[in-house]
N, C-alpha and C. Protein backbone atom coordinates (compact mmCIF):
# COMPACT_ATOMS: atom_id res chain seq x y z
N MET A 1 -72.85 23.24 -182.32
CA MET A 1 -73.34 22.95 -183.27
C MET A 1 -74.82 21.92 -183.08
N ALA A 2 -75.90 22.17 -183.82
CA ALA A 2 -76.80 21.44 -183.28
C ALA A 2 -76.85 20.09 -183.53
N PRO A 3 -77.77 19.08 -183.14
CA PRO A 3 -77.22 17.81 -183.51
C PRO A 3 -77.98 17.33 -185.20
N ASN A 4 -78.74 18.29 -185.59
CA ASN A 4 -78.98 18.05 -186.76
C ASN A 4 -78.11 18.52 -187.74
N GLU A 5 -77.48 19.93 -187.47
CA GLU A 5 -76.52 20.18 -188.30
C GLU A 5 -75.31 19.22 -188.35
N GLN A 6 -74.95 18.56 -187.32
CA GLN A 6 -73.90 17.71 -186.77
C GLN A 6 -74.24 16.33 -187.81
N GLY A 7 -75.22 15.90 -188.11
CA GLY A 7 -75.76 14.72 -188.84
C GLY A 7 -75.46 15.05 -190.50
N ARG A 8 -75.98 16.23 -190.36
CA ARG A 8 -75.55 16.43 -191.95
C ARG A 8 -74.35 16.67 -192.57
N SER A 9 -73.42 17.19 -191.54
CA SER A 9 -72.05 17.36 -191.66
C SER A 9 -71.04 16.12 -192.04
N ALA A 10 -71.61 15.25 -190.80
CA ALA A 10 -71.20 13.62 -191.04
C ALA A 10 -71.90 12.86 -192.01
N ARG A 11 -72.90 13.32 -192.71
CA ARG A 11 -73.48 12.88 -194.23
C ARG A 11 -72.54 13.25 -195.12
N LYS A 12 -72.32 14.64 -194.98
CA LYS A 12 -71.58 14.95 -196.62
C LYS A 12 -70.12 14.79 -196.18
N HIS A 13 -69.50 14.61 -195.10
CA HIS A 13 -68.29 14.09 -194.88
C HIS A 13 -68.11 12.83 -195.50
N GLU A 14 -69.19 12.12 -195.32
CA GLU A 14 -68.80 10.39 -196.07
C GLU A 14 -68.84 10.58 -197.20
N ALA A 15 -70.03 11.58 -197.99
CA ALA A 15 -70.29 11.74 -199.51
C ALA A 15 -68.72 11.71 -199.85
N ILE A 16 -68.30 12.89 -199.28
CA ILE A 16 -67.08 13.48 -199.59
C ILE A 16 -66.07 11.99 -200.08
N MET A 17 -65.92 11.49 -198.88
CA MET A 17 -65.07 10.08 -198.62
C MET A 17 -65.53 9.27 -199.75
N GLU A 18 -66.54 8.95 -199.96
CA GLU A 18 -66.69 8.00 -200.96
C GLU A 18 -66.63 8.23 -202.29
N ALA A 19 -67.14 9.55 -202.44
CA ALA A 19 -66.37 10.25 -203.81
C ALA A 19 -65.42 10.29 -204.10
N ALA A 20 -64.21 10.74 -203.22
CA ALA A 20 -63.11 10.73 -203.76
C ALA A 20 -62.18 9.22 -203.77
N THR A 21 -63.14 8.60 -202.74
CA THR A 21 -62.69 6.94 -203.12
C THR A 21 -62.72 6.19 -204.93
N ALA A 22 -63.91 7.12 -204.86
CA ALA A 22 -64.22 6.25 -206.15
C ALA A 22 -63.59 7.29 -207.48
N VAL A 23 -63.24 8.74 -207.79
CA VAL A 23 -62.32 9.33 -208.29
C VAL A 23 -60.86 9.53 -208.11
N PHE A 24 -60.52 8.86 -207.18
CA PHE A 24 -59.03 8.32 -207.01
C PHE A 24 -58.75 6.81 -207.55
N MET A 25 -59.87 6.08 -207.68
CA MET A 25 -59.51 5.19 -208.25
C MET A 25 -60.02 5.23 -209.44
N GLU A 26 -60.46 5.58 -210.10
CA GLU A 26 -60.74 5.93 -211.72
C GLU A 26 -59.61 6.61 -212.38
N LYS A 27 -58.80 7.61 -211.43
CA LYS A 27 -58.23 8.77 -212.36
C LYS A 27 -56.34 8.60 -211.46
N GLY A 28 -56.77 8.02 -210.53
CA GLY A 28 -55.32 7.81 -209.86
C GLY A 28 -54.98 9.55 -208.85
N TYR A 29 -54.14 9.33 -208.16
CA TYR A 29 -54.00 10.61 -207.44
C TYR A 29 -53.84 11.56 -208.12
N SER A 30 -52.97 11.77 -208.98
CA SER A 30 -52.48 12.92 -209.70
C SER A 30 -53.54 13.44 -210.81
N GLY A 31 -54.30 12.35 -211.33
CA GLY A 31 -55.54 12.86 -212.11
C GLY A 31 -57.00 13.15 -211.49
N THR A 32 -56.70 12.98 -210.40
CA THR A 32 -58.01 13.68 -209.13
C THR A 32 -57.65 15.11 -209.02
N SER A 33 -59.06 15.89 -209.36
CA SER A 33 -59.12 17.06 -208.53
C SER A 33 -60.05 17.30 -207.47
N MET A 34 -59.91 18.25 -206.98
CA MET A 34 -60.91 18.86 -205.79
C MET A 34 -62.28 19.02 -206.59
N ASP A 35 -62.26 19.53 -207.59
CA ASP A 35 -63.52 19.73 -208.58
C ASP A 35 -64.43 18.49 -208.64
N ASP A 36 -63.62 17.52 -208.94
CA ASP A 36 -64.26 16.10 -209.57
C ASP A 36 -64.67 16.00 -208.39
N ILE A 37 -64.14 16.08 -207.34
CA ILE A 37 -64.65 14.97 -205.85
C ILE A 37 -65.59 15.79 -205.34
N ALA A 38 -66.03 16.95 -205.35
CA ALA A 38 -67.23 18.08 -205.25
C ALA A 38 -68.34 17.80 -205.75
N ARG A 39 -68.00 17.64 -207.25
CA ARG A 39 -68.96 17.09 -208.49
C ARG A 39 -69.83 15.81 -208.02
N LEU A 40 -68.90 15.03 -208.06
CA LEU A 40 -69.38 13.41 -207.55
C LEU A 40 -70.04 13.65 -206.17
N ALA A 41 -69.44 14.36 -205.09
CA ALA A 41 -70.04 14.33 -203.73
C ALA A 41 -71.41 15.14 -204.05
N ALA A 42 -71.66 16.07 -204.92
CA ALA A 42 -72.72 16.64 -205.00
C ALA A 42 -72.73 17.89 -203.72
N VAL A 43 -71.47 18.42 -203.55
CA VAL A 43 -70.93 19.40 -202.54
C VAL A 43 -70.13 20.65 -203.27
N SER A 44 -70.14 21.56 -202.61
CA SER A 44 -69.59 22.75 -203.21
C SER A 44 -68.10 22.25 -202.61
N LYS A 45 -67.18 22.96 -203.70
CA LYS A 45 -65.50 23.13 -203.79
C LYS A 45 -65.38 23.42 -202.33
N GLN A 46 -65.88 24.34 -201.89
CA GLN A 46 -65.63 24.97 -200.25
C GLN A 46 -66.04 23.99 -199.25
N THR A 47 -66.84 22.84 -199.33
CA THR A 47 -67.56 21.94 -198.61
C THR A 47 -66.32 20.89 -198.67
N VAL A 48 -66.11 20.87 -199.54
CA VAL A 48 -64.93 19.49 -199.46
C VAL A 48 -63.48 20.29 -198.68
N TYR A 49 -63.04 21.63 -198.85
CA TYR A 49 -62.12 22.48 -198.01
C TYR A 49 -62.14 22.34 -197.02
N LYS A 50 -63.60 22.54 -196.44
CA LYS A 50 -63.89 22.94 -194.89
C LYS A 50 -63.76 21.35 -194.42
N HIS A 51 -63.84 20.03 -194.78
CA HIS A 51 -63.70 19.06 -194.48
C HIS A 51 -62.59 18.87 -194.32
N PHE A 52 -61.68 18.93 -195.55
CA PHE A 52 -60.12 18.21 -195.93
C PHE A 52 -59.71 19.58 -196.20
N ALA A 53 -58.32 19.92 -195.36
CA ALA A 53 -57.28 20.99 -195.78
C ALA A 53 -57.03 20.96 -196.93
N ASP A 54 -56.79 19.49 -197.86
CA ASP A 54 -55.86 19.48 -199.20
C ASP A 54 -56.12 18.36 -199.46
N LYS A 55 -55.70 17.70 -200.78
CA LYS A 55 -56.01 16.48 -201.49
C LYS A 55 -55.27 15.16 -200.67
N GLU A 56 -53.88 15.84 -200.27
CA GLU A 56 -53.14 14.92 -199.74
C GLU A 56 -53.86 14.48 -198.37
N LYS A 57 -54.44 15.30 -197.26
CA LYS A 57 -55.06 15.14 -196.24
C LYS A 57 -56.19 13.99 -196.35
N LEU A 58 -56.86 14.60 -197.65
CA LEU A 58 -57.86 13.40 -197.94
C LEU A 58 -57.83 12.06 -198.72
N PHE A 59 -56.82 12.02 -199.41
CA PHE A 59 -56.28 10.92 -200.02
C PHE A 59 -55.64 10.21 -198.25
N ALA A 60 -55.15 10.33 -197.69
CA ALA A 60 -54.24 9.80 -196.51
C ALA A 60 -55.71 9.81 -195.43
N GLU A 61 -56.75 9.99 -195.40
CA GLU A 61 -58.01 9.87 -194.62
C GLU A 61 -58.34 8.36 -195.28
N ILE A 62 -58.31 8.47 -196.77
CA ILE A 62 -59.23 7.47 -197.25
C ILE A 62 -58.22 6.22 -197.47
N VAL A 63 -56.90 6.03 -197.13
CA VAL A 63 -56.02 5.33 -196.63
C VAL A 63 -56.15 4.42 -195.72
N LEU A 64 -56.26 5.70 -194.68
CA LEU A 64 -56.65 4.80 -193.13
C LEU A 64 -57.87 4.31 -192.66
N ALA A 65 -59.00 4.97 -193.72
CA ALA A 65 -59.96 4.40 -193.23
C ALA A 65 -60.05 2.65 -194.05
N THR A 66 -59.53 2.64 -195.09
CA THR A 66 -59.20 1.48 -195.72
C THR A 66 -58.93 0.58 -195.28
N SER A 67 -57.59 0.81 -194.83
CA SER A 67 -56.79 -0.06 -194.06
C SER A 67 -57.57 -0.47 -192.63
N GLY A 68 -58.59 0.58 -191.74
CA GLY A 68 -59.46 0.12 -190.92
C GLY A 68 -60.12 -1.01 -191.39
N ARG A 69 -60.76 -1.23 -192.39
CA ARG A 69 -62.08 -1.96 -192.96
C ARG A 69 -61.29 -3.54 -193.65
N ILE A 70 -59.87 -3.37 -193.51
CA ILE A 70 -59.09 -4.63 -194.10
C ILE A 70 -58.86 -5.31 -192.79
N ASP A 71 -58.51 -4.23 -191.85
CA ASP A 71 -58.09 -5.04 -190.49
C ASP A 71 -59.30 -5.72 -189.82
N GLY A 72 -60.74 -5.10 -190.28
CA GLY A 72 -61.45 -5.84 -189.76
C GLY A 72 -61.91 -7.28 -190.74
N MET A 73 -61.83 -7.34 -191.75
CA MET A 73 -61.68 -8.50 -192.54
C MET A 73 -60.84 -9.49 -192.53
N ILE A 74 -59.55 -8.94 -191.69
CA ILE A 74 -58.55 -10.23 -191.55
C ILE A 74 -59.01 -10.64 -190.13
N ASP A 75 -59.68 -10.02 -189.24
CA ASP A 75 -59.62 -10.22 -188.05
C ASP A 75 -60.85 -11.69 -188.14
N LEU A 76 -61.58 -11.82 -189.41
CA LEU A 76 -62.66 -12.92 -189.36
C LEU A 76 -61.78 -14.45 -189.20
N VAL A 77 -62.61 -15.59 -188.50
CA VAL A 77 -61.64 -16.74 -188.25
C VAL A 77 -61.91 -17.65 -189.89
N ALA A 78 -60.53 -17.85 -189.89
CA ALA A 78 -60.34 -18.70 -191.38
C ALA A 78 -60.99 -20.48 -190.89
N ALA A 79 -61.38 -20.94 -192.16
CA ALA A 79 -61.98 -21.91 -191.78
C ALA A 79 -61.25 -23.23 -193.03
N ILE A 80 -59.99 -23.24 -192.70
CA ILE A 80 -58.81 -23.64 -193.82
C ILE A 80 -58.74 -24.74 -193.19
N PRO A 81 -58.95 -26.14 -194.02
CA PRO A 81 -58.49 -27.46 -193.29
C PRO A 81 -57.22 -27.96 -192.93
N ALA A 82 -57.01 -28.64 -192.12
CA ALA A 82 -55.35 -28.73 -191.23
C ALA A 82 -54.86 -29.55 -192.20
N ASP A 83 -54.50 -29.62 -193.39
CA ASP A 83 -54.46 -30.60 -194.33
C ASP A 83 -52.88 -30.19 -195.08
N PRO A 84 -51.70 -30.73 -193.99
CA PRO A 84 -50.21 -30.39 -194.46
C PRO A 84 -50.07 -30.25 -196.23
N ASP A 85 -50.35 -31.09 -196.50
CA ASP A 85 -50.21 -31.76 -198.25
C ASP A 85 -50.79 -30.85 -198.98
N ALA A 86 -52.28 -29.97 -198.41
CA ALA A 86 -53.02 -29.21 -199.51
C ALA A 86 -53.00 -27.73 -198.85
N LEU A 87 -52.05 -27.06 -198.29
CA LEU A 87 -51.68 -25.82 -197.64
C LEU A 87 -51.59 -24.91 -198.33
N GLU A 88 -50.73 -25.28 -199.36
CA GLU A 88 -50.62 -23.97 -200.33
C GLU A 88 -51.50 -23.65 -201.30
N ASP A 89 -52.33 -24.73 -201.82
CA ASP A 89 -53.70 -24.80 -202.37
C ASP A 89 -54.61 -23.96 -201.63
N ASN A 90 -54.95 -24.49 -200.38
CA ASN A 90 -55.72 -23.46 -199.31
C ASN A 90 -55.55 -22.30 -199.25
N LEU A 91 -54.23 -21.92 -199.23
CA LEU A 91 -54.06 -20.41 -198.85
C LEU A 91 -54.11 -19.77 -200.49
N HIS A 92 -53.80 -20.26 -201.31
CA HIS A 92 -54.29 -19.80 -202.57
C HIS A 92 -56.02 -19.32 -202.60
N ARG A 93 -56.71 -20.48 -202.37
CA ARG A 93 -57.87 -20.20 -202.52
C ARG A 93 -58.76 -18.63 -201.66
N LEU A 94 -57.73 -18.47 -200.73
CA LEU A 94 -57.91 -17.53 -199.66
C LEU A 94 -57.50 -16.21 -200.09
N ALA A 95 -56.43 -16.05 -200.82
CA ALA A 95 -55.71 -15.18 -201.58
C ALA A 95 -56.53 -13.98 -201.75
N ARG A 96 -57.56 -14.11 -201.82
CA ARG A 96 -58.47 -12.66 -202.08
C ARG A 96 -59.09 -12.36 -201.17
N GLN A 97 -59.20 -12.96 -200.21
CA GLN A 97 -60.04 -12.76 -198.73
C GLN A 97 -58.85 -12.62 -197.73
N PHE A 98 -59.61 -12.02 -196.49
CA PHE A 98 -58.65 -11.63 -195.27
C PHE A 98 -59.50 -12.02 -194.16
N ARG A 99 -58.03 -13.16 -193.69
CA ARG A 99 -58.77 -13.71 -192.36
C ARG A 99 -57.75 -14.11 -191.73
N THR A 100 -57.96 -14.57 -190.54
CA THR A 100 -56.85 -14.63 -189.28
C THR A 100 -55.93 -16.17 -189.37
N PHE A 101 -54.78 -16.16 -189.27
CA PHE A 101 -54.13 -17.35 -188.95
C PHE A 101 -54.25 -18.30 -187.93
N ARG A 102 -54.65 -17.94 -186.83
CA ARG A 102 -54.65 -18.25 -185.55
C ARG A 102 -54.74 -19.78 -185.74
N ARG A 103 -55.95 -20.26 -186.11
CA ARG A 103 -56.16 -21.89 -186.39
C ARG A 103 -54.88 -22.38 -186.74
N LEU A 104 -54.47 -22.13 -187.75
CA LEU A 104 -53.18 -22.63 -188.54
C LEU A 104 -51.98 -22.83 -187.82
N ALA A 105 -51.78 -21.56 -186.91
CA ALA A 105 -50.87 -21.67 -186.26
C ALA A 105 -50.98 -22.44 -184.99
N ASP A 106 -52.17 -22.76 -184.16
CA ASP A 106 -52.53 -23.52 -183.49
C ASP A 106 -52.75 -24.98 -183.67
N GLU A 107 -52.81 -25.51 -184.56
CA GLU A 107 -52.24 -26.34 -185.54
C GLU A 107 -51.24 -27.00 -185.81
N GLY A 108 -50.48 -26.02 -185.75
CA GLY A 108 -48.83 -26.33 -185.91
C GLY A 108 -48.55 -26.18 -187.72
N LEU A 109 -49.39 -25.81 -188.73
CA LEU A 109 -49.12 -25.73 -190.04
C LEU A 109 -48.39 -24.18 -190.10
N LEU A 110 -48.48 -23.44 -189.95
CA LEU A 110 -47.76 -22.09 -189.77
C LEU A 110 -47.10 -21.51 -188.36
N ARG A 111 -45.80 -21.31 -188.71
CA ARG A 111 -44.94 -20.59 -187.78
C ARG A 111 -45.22 -19.19 -187.47
N VAL A 112 -46.26 -19.33 -186.40
CA VAL A 112 -46.76 -17.67 -185.96
C VAL A 112 -46.62 -17.49 -184.65
N ASP A 113 -45.98 -16.47 -184.57
CA ASP A 113 -46.05 -15.86 -183.26
C ASP A 113 -47.12 -14.86 -182.79
N GLU A 114 -47.43 -14.03 -183.97
CA GLU A 114 -48.89 -13.14 -184.10
C GLU A 114 -49.58 -13.33 -185.17
N PRO A 115 -50.55 -14.04 -184.93
CA PRO A 115 -51.32 -14.15 -186.11
C PRO A 115 -52.05 -12.99 -186.91
N LEU A 116 -52.25 -12.23 -185.86
CA LEU A 116 -52.97 -10.74 -186.73
C LEU A 116 -51.75 -10.12 -187.73
N LEU A 117 -50.70 -10.26 -187.14
CA LEU A 117 -49.30 -9.75 -188.15
C LEU A 117 -49.36 -10.61 -189.11
N ALA A 118 -49.13 -12.05 -188.94
CA ALA A 118 -49.05 -12.68 -189.98
C ALA A 118 -50.41 -12.42 -191.31
N ALA A 119 -51.42 -12.13 -190.39
CA ALA A 119 -52.81 -12.09 -191.67
C ALA A 119 -52.17 -10.93 -192.50
N ASN A 120 -51.68 -9.80 -191.67
CA ASN A 120 -51.56 -8.26 -192.17
C ASN A 120 -50.29 -8.38 -193.53
N HIS A 121 -49.27 -8.96 -192.92
CA HIS A 121 -48.48 -9.36 -193.96
C HIS A 121 -48.85 -10.23 -195.09
N PHE A 122 -50.19 -11.05 -194.81
CA PHE A 122 -50.46 -12.09 -195.99
C PHE A 122 -51.09 -11.07 -196.99
N SER A 123 -52.24 -10.49 -196.27
CA SER A 123 -52.68 -9.51 -197.05
C SER A 123 -51.91 -8.42 -197.80
N GLY A 124 -51.05 -7.83 -197.40
CA GLY A 124 -50.27 -6.93 -197.94
C GLY A 124 -49.21 -7.89 -199.20
N LEU A 125 -49.15 -9.16 -198.83
CA LEU A 125 -48.49 -9.49 -199.91
C LEU A 125 -49.33 -9.36 -201.32
N LEU A 126 -50.44 -9.83 -201.00
CA LEU A 126 -51.29 -9.70 -201.97
C LEU A 126 -51.86 -8.79 -202.65
N LEU A 127 -52.04 -7.65 -201.72
CA LEU A 127 -52.79 -6.46 -202.07
C LEU A 127 -51.83 -5.25 -202.27
N TRP A 128 -50.75 -4.88 -202.15
CA TRP A 128 -49.72 -3.71 -202.28
C TRP A 128 -49.83 -3.36 -204.17
N ILE A 129 -49.48 -4.38 -204.81
CA ILE A 129 -49.27 -3.83 -205.83
C ILE A 129 -51.00 -3.45 -206.85
N PRO A 130 -51.76 -4.27 -206.85
CA PRO A 130 -52.99 -4.09 -207.49
C PRO A 130 -53.82 -2.77 -206.71
N VAL A 131 -53.67 -2.55 -205.40
CA VAL A 131 -54.36 -1.54 -204.64
C VAL A 131 -53.61 -0.12 -204.94
N ASN A 132 -52.07 -0.25 -204.77
CA ASN A 132 -51.74 1.19 -205.57
C ASN A 132 -51.42 1.13 -206.88
N LYS A 133 -50.99 0.41 -207.97
CA LYS A 133 -51.96 0.90 -209.15
C LYS A 133 -53.02 1.81 -209.19
N ALA A 134 -53.95 0.95 -208.98
CA ALA A 134 -55.46 2.01 -208.77
C ALA A 134 -55.18 3.14 -208.38
N MET A 135 -54.83 3.16 -207.27
CA MET A 135 -55.08 4.52 -206.38
C MET A 135 -54.16 5.48 -206.74
N PHE A 136 -53.03 5.28 -207.47
CA PHE A 136 -51.99 6.13 -208.07
C PHE A 136 -51.93 6.61 -209.62
N THR A 137 -52.67 5.27 -210.13
CA THR A 137 -52.35 5.65 -211.71
C THR A 137 -54.08 5.80 -212.35
N GLY A 138 -55.15 5.45 -211.63
CA GLY A 138 -56.38 5.29 -211.40
C GLY A 138 -56.93 3.87 -212.28
N GLY A 139 -58.19 3.84 -211.97
CA GLY A 139 -58.60 2.61 -212.65
C GLY A 139 -57.91 1.07 -212.33
N PRO A 140 -58.59 0.07 -212.04
CA PRO A 140 -57.79 -1.38 -211.98
C PRO A 140 -56.96 -1.25 -213.32
N GLN A 141 -55.57 -1.73 -213.12
CA GLN A 141 -54.58 -1.65 -213.94
C GLN A 141 -54.08 -3.62 -214.16
N HIS A 142 -54.79 -3.94 -213.70
CA HIS A 142 -54.50 -5.19 -213.95
C HIS A 142 -55.60 -6.55 -214.28
N THR A 143 -55.32 -7.74 -215.00
CA THR A 143 -56.00 -8.68 -215.62
C THR A 143 -56.47 -9.70 -214.21
N GLU A 144 -56.99 -10.57 -214.28
CA GLU A 144 -57.37 -11.79 -213.81
C GLU A 144 -55.78 -12.39 -214.10
N ALA A 145 -55.40 -12.59 -215.16
CA ALA A 145 -53.72 -13.42 -215.02
C ALA A 145 -53.06 -12.78 -213.94
N ASP A 146 -52.85 -11.27 -213.87
CA ASP A 146 -52.33 -10.72 -213.10
C ASP A 146 -52.67 -11.00 -211.78
N LEU A 147 -53.89 -10.77 -211.21
CA LEU A 147 -54.25 -11.15 -209.89
C LEU A 147 -53.69 -12.55 -209.45
N ASP A 148 -53.70 -13.64 -210.29
CA ASP A 148 -53.65 -14.80 -209.96
C ASP A 148 -52.14 -14.83 -209.68
N HIS A 149 -51.29 -14.39 -210.44
CA HIS A 149 -49.73 -14.05 -210.53
C HIS A 149 -49.45 -13.84 -209.13
N TYR A 150 -50.38 -12.32 -208.48
CA TYR A 150 -49.75 -12.13 -207.15
C TYR A 150 -49.98 -13.00 -206.29
N ALA A 151 -51.38 -13.57 -206.42
CA ALA A 151 -51.65 -14.54 -205.64
C ALA A 151 -50.78 -15.29 -205.47
N THR A 152 -50.10 -16.14 -206.26
CA THR A 152 -49.52 -17.12 -206.11
C THR A 152 -48.18 -16.99 -205.56
N ALA A 153 -47.59 -15.78 -205.94
CA ALA A 153 -45.91 -15.28 -205.32
C ALA A 153 -46.55 -14.54 -204.18
N GLY A 154 -47.79 -14.10 -203.65
CA GLY A 154 -48.08 -13.65 -202.71
C GLY A 154 -47.68 -15.28 -201.50
N VAL A 155 -48.31 -15.70 -202.04
CA VAL A 155 -48.15 -17.15 -201.32
C VAL A 155 -47.06 -17.94 -201.20
N ARG A 156 -46.35 -17.71 -201.99
CA ARG A 156 -45.20 -18.51 -201.88
C ARG A 156 -44.14 -17.65 -200.94
N ALA A 157 -44.22 -16.26 -201.06
CA ALA A 157 -43.26 -15.68 -200.17
C ALA A 157 -43.80 -15.60 -198.60
N PHE A 158 -45.39 -15.72 -198.75
CA PHE A 158 -45.49 -15.81 -197.28
C PHE A 158 -45.47 -17.36 -196.65
N LEU A 159 -45.25 -18.24 -197.65
CA LEU A 159 -45.19 -19.48 -196.89
C LEU A 159 -43.51 -19.83 -196.56
N ALA A 160 -42.53 -19.22 -197.28
CA ALA A 160 -41.10 -18.69 -197.40
C ALA A 160 -41.01 -18.28 -195.84
N ALA A 161 -41.56 -17.52 -195.42
CA ALA A 161 -41.35 -16.28 -193.96
C ALA A 161 -42.21 -17.69 -192.88
N TYR A 162 -43.34 -17.94 -193.41
CA TYR A 162 -44.16 -18.52 -192.09
C TYR A 162 -44.38 -19.84 -192.06
N ARG A 163 -44.00 -20.87 -192.82
CA ARG A 163 -44.05 -22.62 -192.88
C ARG A 163 -43.29 -23.24 -191.90
């Protein structure tokens, strides 16, 4: 394949991924068709199948790509004040962000052997419910109050394990 064709193929692949992510988030997995994805990506349905064998494989690649982006965000260094009395409040403020917990462990505020694993646990506690609802049922299925509730419960569970 010529370099120009490789670039065009990569752009189509990315367009399909972006379109599929948008459609899955809007309609959920079961409500999404390959026709919907092709239409939004401005490619033929045949092109979608050329890049992805089926809807399940496309969905799986999106989940893996999303996980990779989350891992990158988790690697950011947190600037959480080392104040044991305000630890819960500080973690709550970070509940919608993804940062590492290395400094908190170094300062003895958290009992963490693997800071990156702890950060993944923290983000999982916060994201599992809203992301699954959006990806599998379509569209945001939560209110700000729901997100606050998930954050509070997630922080509580995290501190029970790591404080």
